[in-house]
Amino acid sequence: MKCPYCQIDNDKVIDSRSGEDGFVIRRRRMCVSCEKRFTTYERVAELEIRVVKKDGSREPFRPEKIRQGLERACWKRPIPTDRVEQVITEIIQGVYMNGKSELESRIIGEMVMEKLIELDDVAYIRFGSVYRQFRDIHDFLEEVRPIFDKHQLHVDSDV
């Protein structure tokens, strides 16, 4: 690693720490020539995962889309920011741990729905209403059924 100060390629690592849930290593280095210190970050090169959309088209996996969807669903809900961040990280890790180079958008959507039903009922419904694209009230009732089951409430299915 070249020193950012003197451009000499002669340094030693004086400290290493894991960060971002073990996905990054922070290394504190010292240039042997000029004795200045600098920090580098090492991370695994991300896999090229493609998302297969409903229409069969493919696009690169973009974790920011998961972040945007979850932030919209959780907007103005009493959910701690660090908890939302944790859920986002878990979903993204789940996508990469899947081990496939292509993943259907439906699978990613289901991963989000599974996390949201545990996190917040309103956020679950908000996300589900966009993700599932309800055609009518019956579709909506089918989507809220897991929430009623979770809280042991009765849903009148004659609606």
N, C-alpha and C. Protein backbone atom coordinates (compact mmCIF):
# COMPACT_ATOMS: atom_id res chain seq x y z
N MET A 1 0.86 -1.17 0.00
CA MET A 1 0.00 0.00 0.00
C MET A 1 0.90 1.24 0.00
N LYS A 2 0.68 2.12 -0.97
CA LYS A 2 1.48 3.35 -1.02
C LYS A 2 1.00 4.34 0.03
N CYS A 3 1.94 5.00 0.66
CA CYS A 3 1.63 6.03 1.66
C CYS A 3 0.98 7.21 0.94
N PRO A 4 -0.16 7.71 1.45
CA PRO A 4 -0.82 8.85 0.81
C PRO A 4 -0.03 10.15 0.97
N TYR A 5 0.97 10.16 1.84
CA TYR A 5 1.75 11.38 2.09
C TYR A 5 3.02 11.43 1.25
N CYS A 6 3.81 10.33 1.27
CA CYS A 6 5.09 10.35 0.57
C CYS A 6 5.13 9.43 -0.66
N GLN A 7 4.06 8.67 -0.88
CA GLN A 7 3.92 7.79 -2.04
C GLN A 7 4.89 6.60 -2.04
N ILE A 8 5.53 6.34 -0.92
CA ILE A 8 6.44 5.19 -0.82
C ILE A 8 5.63 3.96 -0.43
N ASP A 9 5.94 2.83 -1.06
CA ASP A 9 5.23 1.58 -0.78
C ASP A 9 5.99 0.78 0.27
N ASN A 10 5.93 1.28 1.50
CA ASN A 10 6.62 0.60 2.60
C ASN A 10 5.93 1.00 3.90
N ASP A 11 4.94 0.19 4.31
CA ASP A 11 4.21 0.51 5.53
C ASP A 11 4.06 -0.74 6.38
N LYS A 12 3.63 -0.53 7.60
CA LYS A 12 3.32 -1.68 8.46
C LYS A 12 1.98 -1.44 9.13
N VAL A 13 1.26 -2.53 9.34
CA VAL A 13 -0.04 -2.47 9.99
C VAL A 13 0.20 -2.42 11.49
N ILE A 14 -0.38 -1.41 12.15
CA ILE A 14 -0.19 -1.28 13.60
C ILE A 14 -1.46 -1.63 14.39
N ASP A 15 -2.61 -1.73 13.68
CA ASP A 15 -3.85 -2.11 14.35
C ASP A 15 -4.86 -2.57 13.30
N SER A 16 -5.60 -3.64 13.60
CA SER A 16 -6.67 -4.14 12.73
C SER A 16 -7.91 -4.35 13.57
N ARG A 17 -9.05 -3.92 13.05
CA ARG A 17 -10.33 -4.11 13.74
C ARG A 17 -11.41 -4.46 12.75
N SER A 18 -12.30 -5.32 13.20
CA SER A 18 -13.43 -5.71 12.38
C SER A 18 -14.53 -4.65 12.53
N GLY A 19 -15.27 -4.41 11.46
CA GLY A 19 -16.38 -3.46 11.50
C GLY A 19 -17.51 -3.92 10.63
N GLU A 20 -18.62 -3.19 10.68
CA GLU A 20 -19.82 -3.49 9.87
C GLU A 20 -20.19 -4.97 9.96
N ASP A 21 -20.36 -5.47 11.16
CA ASP A 21 -20.76 -6.85 11.41
C ASP A 21 -19.80 -7.87 10.80
N GLY A 22 -18.51 -7.54 10.76
CA GLY A 22 -17.52 -8.47 10.26
C GLY A 22 -17.31 -8.44 8.76
N PHE A 23 -17.94 -7.52 8.05
CA PHE A 23 -17.80 -7.45 6.61
C PHE A 23 -16.70 -6.48 6.16
N VAL A 24 -16.10 -5.79 7.11
CA VAL A 24 -15.04 -4.83 6.80
C VAL A 24 -13.95 -4.96 7.85
N ILE A 25 -12.70 -4.83 7.39
CA ILE A 25 -11.59 -4.77 8.33
C ILE A 25 -10.96 -3.40 8.20
N ARG A 26 -10.83 -2.70 9.32
CA ARG A 26 -10.20 -1.38 9.37
C ARG A 26 -8.76 -1.61 9.81
N ARG A 27 -7.83 -1.12 9.00
CA ARG A 27 -6.42 -1.28 9.33
C ARG A 27 -5.77 0.08 9.53
N ARG A 28 -5.10 0.24 10.63
CA ARG A 28 -4.34 1.45 10.91
C ARG A 28 -2.91 1.14 10.50
N ARG A 29 -2.35 1.95 9.63
CA ARG A 29 -1.02 1.69 9.10
C ARG A 29 -0.07 2.85 9.41
N MET A 30 1.22 2.54 9.41
CA MET A 30 2.24 3.57 9.58
C MET A 30 3.27 3.40 8.47
N CYS A 31 3.57 4.49 7.79
CA CYS A 31 4.58 4.49 6.74
C CYS A 31 5.95 4.37 7.41
N VAL A 32 6.75 3.42 6.96
CA VAL A 32 8.07 3.22 7.54
C VAL A 32 9.00 4.36 7.11
N SER A 33 8.76 4.96 5.95
CA SER A 33 9.62 6.03 5.45
C SER A 33 9.38 7.37 6.15
N CYS A 34 8.13 7.85 6.13
CA CYS A 34 7.85 9.18 6.70
C CYS A 34 7.22 9.12 8.09
N GLU A 35 6.86 7.91 8.54
CA GLU A 35 6.29 7.65 9.87
C GLU A 35 4.91 8.26 10.10
N LYS A 36 4.23 8.68 9.02
CA LYS A 36 2.87 9.17 9.16
C LYS A 36 1.92 7.98 9.17
N ARG A 37 0.78 8.19 9.81
CA ARG A 37 -0.21 7.12 9.93
C ARG A 37 -1.41 7.39 9.02
N PHE A 38 -2.01 6.29 8.55
CA PHE A 38 -3.20 6.39 7.73
C PHE A 38 -4.03 5.14 7.92
N THR A 39 -5.31 5.23 7.52
CA THR A 39 -6.26 4.13 7.72
C THR A 39 -6.72 3.60 6.37
N THR A 40 -6.82 2.27 6.29
CA THR A 40 -7.38 1.64 5.09
C THR A 40 -8.53 0.74 5.53
N TYR A 41 -9.42 0.47 4.60
CA TYR A 41 -10.56 -0.42 4.85
C TYR A 41 -10.52 -1.54 3.82
N GLU A 42 -10.70 -2.75 4.29
CA GLU A 42 -10.69 -3.92 3.42
C GLU A 42 -12.05 -4.59 3.49
N ARG A 43 -12.63 -4.87 2.33
CA ARG A 43 -13.91 -5.57 2.29
C ARG A 43 -13.91 -6.55 1.13
N VAL A 44 -14.75 -7.56 1.26
CA VAL A 44 -14.89 -8.55 0.21
C VAL A 44 -15.54 -7.89 -1.00
N ALA A 45 -15.01 -8.18 -2.16
CA ALA A 45 -15.63 -7.66 -3.39
C ALA A 45 -17.01 -8.28 -3.52
N GLU A 46 -18.01 -7.44 -3.72
CA GLU A 46 -19.39 -7.92 -3.77
C GLU A 46 -19.62 -8.76 -5.02
N LEU A 47 -20.42 -9.78 -4.84
CA LEU A 47 -20.79 -10.65 -5.95
C LEU A 47 -21.70 -9.89 -6.91
N GLU A 48 -21.63 -10.24 -8.15
CA GLU A 48 -22.53 -9.66 -9.14
C GLU A 48 -23.84 -10.45 -9.13
N ILE A 49 -24.81 -9.96 -8.41
CA ILE A 49 -26.11 -10.63 -8.35
C ILE A 49 -27.08 -9.85 -9.23
N ARG A 50 -27.84 -10.59 -10.01
CA ARG A 50 -28.84 -9.99 -10.87
C ARG A 50 -30.22 -10.36 -10.35
N VAL A 51 -31.12 -9.39 -10.40
CA VAL A 51 -32.50 -9.60 -9.95
C VAL A 51 -33.36 -9.86 -11.18
N VAL A 52 -34.11 -10.96 -11.14
CA VAL A 52 -35.01 -11.30 -12.22
C VAL A 52 -36.38 -10.71 -11.88
N LYS A 53 -36.81 -9.75 -12.67
CA LYS A 53 -38.07 -9.04 -12.42
C LYS A 53 -39.25 -9.90 -12.86
N LYS A 54 -40.47 -9.46 -12.51
CA LYS A 54 -41.69 -10.20 -12.87
C LYS A 54 -41.82 -10.41 -14.37
N ASP A 55 -41.38 -9.42 -15.15
CA ASP A 55 -41.51 -9.52 -16.61
C ASP A 55 -40.38 -10.32 -17.25
N GLY A 56 -39.47 -10.88 -16.43
CA GLY A 56 -38.37 -11.68 -16.95
C GLY A 56 -37.10 -10.89 -17.22
N SER A 57 -37.18 -9.56 -17.16
CA SER A 57 -35.98 -8.75 -17.37
C SER A 57 -35.06 -8.89 -16.16
N ARG A 58 -33.80 -8.55 -16.36
CA ARG A 58 -32.81 -8.66 -15.30
C ARG A 58 -32.13 -7.33 -15.10
N GLU A 59 -31.81 -7.04 -13.82
CA GLU A 59 -31.07 -5.83 -13.50
C GLU A 59 -30.14 -6.14 -12.34
N PRO A 60 -29.06 -5.36 -12.18
CA PRO A 60 -28.15 -5.60 -11.07
C PRO A 60 -28.86 -5.41 -9.73
N PHE A 61 -28.49 -6.22 -8.74
CA PHE A 61 -29.03 -6.07 -7.40
C PHE A 61 -28.52 -4.76 -6.83
N ARG A 62 -29.46 -3.94 -6.34
CA ARG A 62 -29.10 -2.64 -5.75
C ARG A 62 -29.65 -2.58 -4.33
N PRO A 63 -28.78 -2.76 -3.34
CA PRO A 63 -29.23 -2.74 -1.94
C PRO A 63 -29.97 -1.46 -1.54
N GLU A 64 -29.68 -0.35 -2.22
CA GLU A 64 -30.35 0.91 -1.87
C GLU A 64 -31.85 0.84 -2.13
N LYS A 65 -32.30 -0.04 -3.03
CA LYS A 65 -33.73 -0.19 -3.27
C LYS A 65 -34.41 -0.82 -2.05
N ILE A 66 -33.74 -1.74 -1.39
CA ILE A 66 -34.28 -2.33 -0.16
C ILE A 66 -34.35 -1.25 0.92
N ARG A 67 -33.30 -0.47 1.03
CA ARG A 67 -33.27 0.62 2.02
C ARG A 67 -34.42 1.61 1.78
N GLN A 68 -34.61 2.01 0.54
CA GLN A 68 -35.67 2.98 0.21
C GLN A 68 -37.05 2.41 0.54
N GLY A 69 -37.29 1.16 0.17
CA GLY A 69 -38.59 0.54 0.44
C GLY A 69 -38.87 0.41 1.92
N LEU A 70 -37.87 0.00 2.69
CA LEU A 70 -38.05 -0.14 4.14
C LEU A 70 -38.21 1.22 4.82
N GLU A 71 -37.44 2.19 4.39
CA GLU A 71 -37.56 3.52 5.00
C GLU A 71 -38.94 4.11 4.72
N ARG A 72 -39.46 3.91 3.51
CA ARG A 72 -40.81 4.39 3.19
C ARG A 72 -41.87 3.68 4.04
N ALA A 73 -41.72 2.37 4.18
CA ALA A 73 -42.70 1.59 4.95
C ALA A 73 -42.67 1.97 6.43
N CYS A 74 -41.49 2.29 6.94
CA CYS A 74 -41.33 2.59 8.38
C CYS A 74 -41.45 4.08 8.70
N TRP A 75 -41.71 4.90 7.70
CA TRP A 75 -41.77 6.35 7.89
C TRP A 75 -42.80 6.71 8.95
N LYS A 76 -42.38 7.53 9.90
CA LYS A 76 -43.21 8.03 11.01
C LYS A 76 -43.78 6.91 11.89
N ARG A 77 -43.08 5.79 11.95
CA ARG A 77 -43.47 4.70 12.84
C ARG A 77 -42.52 4.71 14.04
N PRO A 78 -42.98 4.23 15.19
CA PRO A 78 -42.13 4.25 16.40
C PRO A 78 -41.11 3.09 16.40
N ILE A 79 -40.26 3.09 15.38
CA ILE A 79 -39.26 2.04 15.24
C ILE A 79 -37.89 2.70 15.33
N PRO A 80 -37.04 2.24 16.24
CA PRO A 80 -35.70 2.83 16.35
C PRO A 80 -34.92 2.69 15.04
N THR A 81 -34.21 3.73 14.67
CA THR A 81 -33.44 3.75 13.43
C THR A 81 -32.45 2.59 13.37
N ASP A 82 -31.81 2.28 14.50
CA ASP A 82 -30.83 1.20 14.49
C ASP A 82 -31.50 -0.15 14.23
N ARG A 83 -32.74 -0.30 14.63
CA ARG A 83 -33.47 -1.55 14.36
C ARG A 83 -33.79 -1.67 12.86
N VAL A 84 -34.19 -0.55 12.24
CA VAL A 84 -34.45 -0.55 10.80
C VAL A 84 -33.15 -0.88 10.05
N GLU A 85 -32.04 -0.28 10.48
CA GLU A 85 -30.74 -0.55 9.86
C GLU A 85 -30.37 -2.03 9.99
N GLN A 86 -30.65 -2.60 11.15
CA GLN A 86 -30.36 -4.01 11.38
C GLN A 86 -31.15 -4.90 10.42
N VAL A 87 -32.43 -4.58 10.24
CA VAL A 87 -33.29 -5.35 9.33
C VAL A 87 -32.77 -5.23 7.90
N ILE A 88 -32.40 -4.02 7.49
CA ILE A 88 -31.86 -3.81 6.14
C ILE A 88 -30.61 -4.66 5.95
N THR A 89 -29.71 -4.64 6.93
CA THR A 89 -28.47 -5.42 6.85
C THR A 89 -28.78 -6.91 6.76
N GLU A 90 -29.75 -7.39 7.55
CA GLU A 90 -30.10 -8.82 7.53
C GLU A 90 -30.64 -9.24 6.17
N ILE A 91 -31.46 -8.40 5.56
CA ILE A 91 -32.03 -8.74 4.24
C ILE A 91 -30.93 -8.77 3.18
N ILE A 92 -30.07 -7.76 3.19
CA ILE A 92 -28.99 -7.70 2.21
C ILE A 92 -28.05 -8.89 2.39
N GLN A 93 -27.73 -9.23 3.62
CA GLN A 93 -26.89 -10.40 3.88
C GLN A 93 -27.58 -11.67 3.38
N GLY A 94 -28.89 -11.75 3.58
CA GLY A 94 -29.65 -12.90 3.10
C GLY A 94 -29.57 -13.06 1.59
N VAL A 95 -29.60 -11.94 0.88
CA VAL A 95 -29.50 -11.98 -0.58
C VAL A 95 -28.13 -12.52 -0.98
N TYR A 96 -27.07 -12.00 -0.37
CA TYR A 96 -25.72 -12.45 -0.72
C TYR A 96 -25.46 -13.89 -0.26
N MET A 97 -26.03 -14.27 0.87
CA MET A 97 -25.81 -15.62 1.39
C MET A 97 -26.59 -16.66 0.60
N ASN A 98 -27.54 -16.23 -0.20
CA ASN A 98 -28.31 -17.13 -1.04
C ASN A 98 -27.38 -17.92 -1.96
N GLY A 99 -26.28 -17.29 -2.35
CA GLY A 99 -25.27 -17.97 -3.14
C GLY A 99 -25.56 -18.09 -4.63
N LYS A 100 -26.65 -17.52 -5.08
CA LYS A 100 -27.00 -17.59 -6.50
C LYS A 100 -26.61 -16.30 -7.20
N SER A 101 -26.31 -16.40 -8.48
CA SER A 101 -25.95 -15.20 -9.24
C SER A 101 -27.19 -14.47 -9.73
N GLU A 102 -28.34 -15.16 -9.73
CA GLU A 102 -29.61 -14.54 -10.09
C GLU A 102 -30.65 -14.89 -9.04
N LEU A 103 -31.49 -13.91 -8.72
CA LEU A 103 -32.50 -14.10 -7.69
C LEU A 103 -33.77 -13.40 -8.14
N GLU A 104 -34.90 -14.09 -8.03
CA GLU A 104 -36.17 -13.48 -8.42
C GLU A 104 -36.53 -12.35 -7.46
N SER A 105 -37.09 -11.28 -8.00
CA SER A 105 -37.50 -10.14 -7.17
C SER A 105 -38.53 -10.59 -6.14
N ARG A 106 -39.34 -11.60 -6.49
CA ARG A 106 -40.35 -12.13 -5.58
C ARG A 106 -39.71 -12.66 -4.29
N ILE A 107 -38.56 -13.30 -4.40
CA ILE A 107 -37.88 -13.86 -3.22
C ILE A 107 -37.39 -12.74 -2.32
N ILE A 108 -36.84 -11.69 -2.92
CA ILE A 108 -36.38 -10.55 -2.13
C ILE A 108 -37.58 -9.88 -1.44
N GLY A 109 -38.67 -9.72 -2.17
CA GLY A 109 -39.88 -9.13 -1.59
C GLY A 109 -40.39 -9.93 -0.41
N GLU A 110 -40.36 -11.26 -0.54
CA GLU A 110 -40.81 -12.12 0.57
C GLU A 110 -39.89 -12.00 1.78
N MET A 111 -38.58 -11.84 1.53
CA MET A 111 -37.64 -11.65 2.64
C MET A 111 -37.99 -10.38 3.41
N VAL A 112 -38.31 -9.32 2.66
CA VAL A 112 -38.68 -8.05 3.29
C VAL A 112 -39.97 -8.22 4.08
N MET A 113 -40.96 -8.87 3.48
CA MET A 113 -42.25 -9.06 4.15
C MET A 113 -42.08 -9.86 5.46
N GLU A 114 -41.25 -10.90 5.44
CA GLU A 114 -41.02 -11.71 6.64
C GLU A 114 -40.41 -10.87 7.77
N LYS A 115 -39.50 -9.98 7.42
CA LYS A 115 -38.88 -9.12 8.44
C LYS A 115 -39.87 -8.08 8.95
N LEU A 116 -40.67 -7.51 8.04
CA LEU A 116 -41.59 -6.44 8.43
C LEU A 116 -42.72 -6.94 9.33
N ILE A 117 -43.19 -8.16 9.12
CA ILE A 117 -44.29 -8.64 9.97
C ILE A 117 -43.82 -8.79 11.42
N GLU A 118 -42.52 -9.05 11.60
CA GLU A 118 -41.95 -9.11 12.94
C GLU A 118 -41.70 -7.72 13.50
N LEU A 119 -41.41 -6.77 12.63
CA LEU A 119 -41.00 -5.43 13.04
C LEU A 119 -42.16 -4.51 13.40
N ASP A 120 -43.15 -4.40 12.48
CA ASP A 120 -44.22 -3.43 12.70
C ASP A 120 -45.38 -3.74 11.76
N ASP A 121 -46.59 -3.85 12.32
CA ASP A 121 -47.77 -4.20 11.53
C ASP A 121 -48.08 -3.17 10.45
N VAL A 122 -47.99 -1.90 10.79
CA VAL A 122 -48.33 -0.84 9.81
C VAL A 122 -47.30 -0.82 8.69
N ALA A 123 -46.02 -0.95 9.03
CA ALA A 123 -44.97 -0.98 8.01
C ALA A 123 -45.17 -2.18 7.09
N TYR A 124 -45.59 -3.31 7.66
CA TYR A 124 -45.86 -4.52 6.89
C TYR A 124 -46.96 -4.24 5.86
N ILE A 125 -48.05 -3.61 6.29
CA ILE A 125 -49.17 -3.31 5.40
C ILE A 125 -48.77 -2.29 4.34
N ARG A 126 -48.01 -1.26 4.75
CA ARG A 126 -47.57 -0.25 3.78
C ARG A 126 -46.74 -0.89 2.67
N PHE A 127 -45.76 -1.68 3.06
CA PHE A 127 -44.91 -2.32 2.07
C PHE A 127 -45.72 -3.31 1.23
N GLY A 128 -46.55 -4.09 1.90
CA GLY A 128 -47.36 -5.10 1.22
C GLY A 128 -48.31 -4.50 0.20
N SER A 129 -48.87 -3.32 0.51
CA SER A 129 -49.83 -2.72 -0.42
C SER A 129 -49.16 -2.34 -1.74
N VAL A 130 -47.90 -1.97 -1.70
CA VAL A 130 -47.16 -1.65 -2.92
C VAL A 130 -46.63 -2.93 -3.56
N TYR A 131 -46.03 -3.78 -2.74
CA TYR A 131 -45.40 -5.01 -3.25
C TYR A 131 -46.42 -5.98 -3.85
N ARG A 132 -47.54 -6.17 -3.17
CA ARG A 132 -48.53 -7.15 -3.62
C ARG A 132 -49.50 -6.60 -4.67
N GLN A 133 -49.58 -5.27 -4.79
CA GLN A 133 -50.48 -4.62 -5.76
C GLN A 133 -51.90 -5.17 -5.65
N PHE A 134 -52.55 -4.90 -4.53
CA PHE A 134 -53.90 -5.41 -4.27
C PHE A 134 -54.86 -5.03 -5.40
N ARG A 135 -55.68 -5.99 -5.82
CA ARG A 135 -56.70 -5.73 -6.84
C ARG A 135 -58.00 -5.27 -6.19
N ASP A 136 -58.27 -5.78 -4.98
CA ASP A 136 -59.52 -5.44 -4.31
C ASP A 136 -59.38 -5.67 -2.81
N ILE A 137 -60.46 -5.47 -2.07
CA ILE A 137 -60.46 -5.61 -0.61
C ILE A 137 -60.13 -7.04 -0.17
N HIS A 138 -60.50 -8.02 -0.98
CA HIS A 138 -60.21 -9.42 -0.63
C HIS A 138 -58.70 -9.67 -0.60
N ASP A 139 -57.99 -9.11 -1.59
CA ASP A 139 -56.53 -9.23 -1.59
C ASP A 139 -55.95 -8.58 -0.34
N PHE A 140 -56.49 -7.42 0.01
CA PHE A 140 -56.02 -6.71 1.20
C PHE A 140 -56.24 -7.55 2.46
N LEU A 141 -57.42 -8.12 2.59
CA LEU A 141 -57.73 -8.94 3.77
C LEU A 141 -56.83 -10.16 3.87
N GLU A 142 -56.51 -10.75 2.74
CA GLU A 142 -55.59 -11.89 2.75
C GLU A 142 -54.21 -11.47 3.25
N GLU A 143 -53.82 -10.26 2.91
CA GLU A 143 -52.51 -9.77 3.34
C GLU A 143 -52.48 -9.43 4.82
N VAL A 144 -53.58 -8.93 5.37
CA VAL A 144 -53.59 -8.59 6.80
C VAL A 144 -53.88 -9.79 7.68
N ARG A 145 -54.33 -10.89 7.10
CA ARG A 145 -54.64 -12.09 7.89
C ARG A 145 -53.49 -12.50 8.82
N PRO A 146 -52.22 -12.52 8.35
CA PRO A 146 -51.13 -12.90 9.27
C PRO A 146 -51.03 -11.98 10.49
N ILE A 147 -51.38 -10.71 10.31
CA ILE A 147 -51.33 -9.79 11.45
C ILE A 147 -52.43 -10.14 12.44
N PHE A 148 -53.62 -10.43 11.93
CA PHE A 148 -54.71 -10.83 12.82
C PHE A 148 -54.38 -12.14 13.53
N ASP A 149 -53.77 -13.07 12.80
CA ASP A 149 -53.36 -14.33 13.42
C ASP A 149 -52.32 -14.09 14.50
N LYS A 150 -51.38 -13.20 14.23
CA LYS A 150 -50.32 -12.89 15.18
C LYS A 150 -50.90 -12.34 16.49
N HIS A 151 -51.93 -11.52 16.35
CA HIS A 151 -52.56 -10.91 17.54
C HIS A 151 -53.79 -11.66 18.01
N GLN A 152 -54.04 -12.80 17.39
CA GLN A 152 -55.17 -13.67 17.72
C GLN A 152 -56.50 -12.91 17.66
N LEU A 153 -56.67 -12.19 16.52
CA LEU A 153 -57.92 -11.46 16.27
C LEU A 153 -58.70 -12.19 15.20
N HIS A 154 -59.99 -11.92 15.11
CA HIS A 154 -60.86 -12.57 14.14
C HIS A 154 -61.07 -11.65 12.94
N VAL A 155 -60.97 -12.23 11.74
CA VAL A 155 -61.25 -11.50 10.50
C VAL A 155 -62.50 -12.11 9.90
N ASP A 156 -63.50 -11.26 9.63
CA ASP A 156 -64.73 -11.74 8.98
C ASP A 156 -64.43 -11.91 7.50
N SER A 157 -64.47 -13.15 7.02
CA SER A 157 -64.11 -13.43 5.64
C SER A 157 -65.27 -13.20 4.66
N ASP A 158 -66.42 -12.70 5.13
CA ASP A 158 -67.53 -12.43 4.24
C ASP A 158 -67.46 -11.06 3.59
N VAL A 159 -66.39 -10.32 3.81
CA VAL A 159 -66.29 -8.97 3.26
C VAL A 159 -66.14 -9.02 1.77
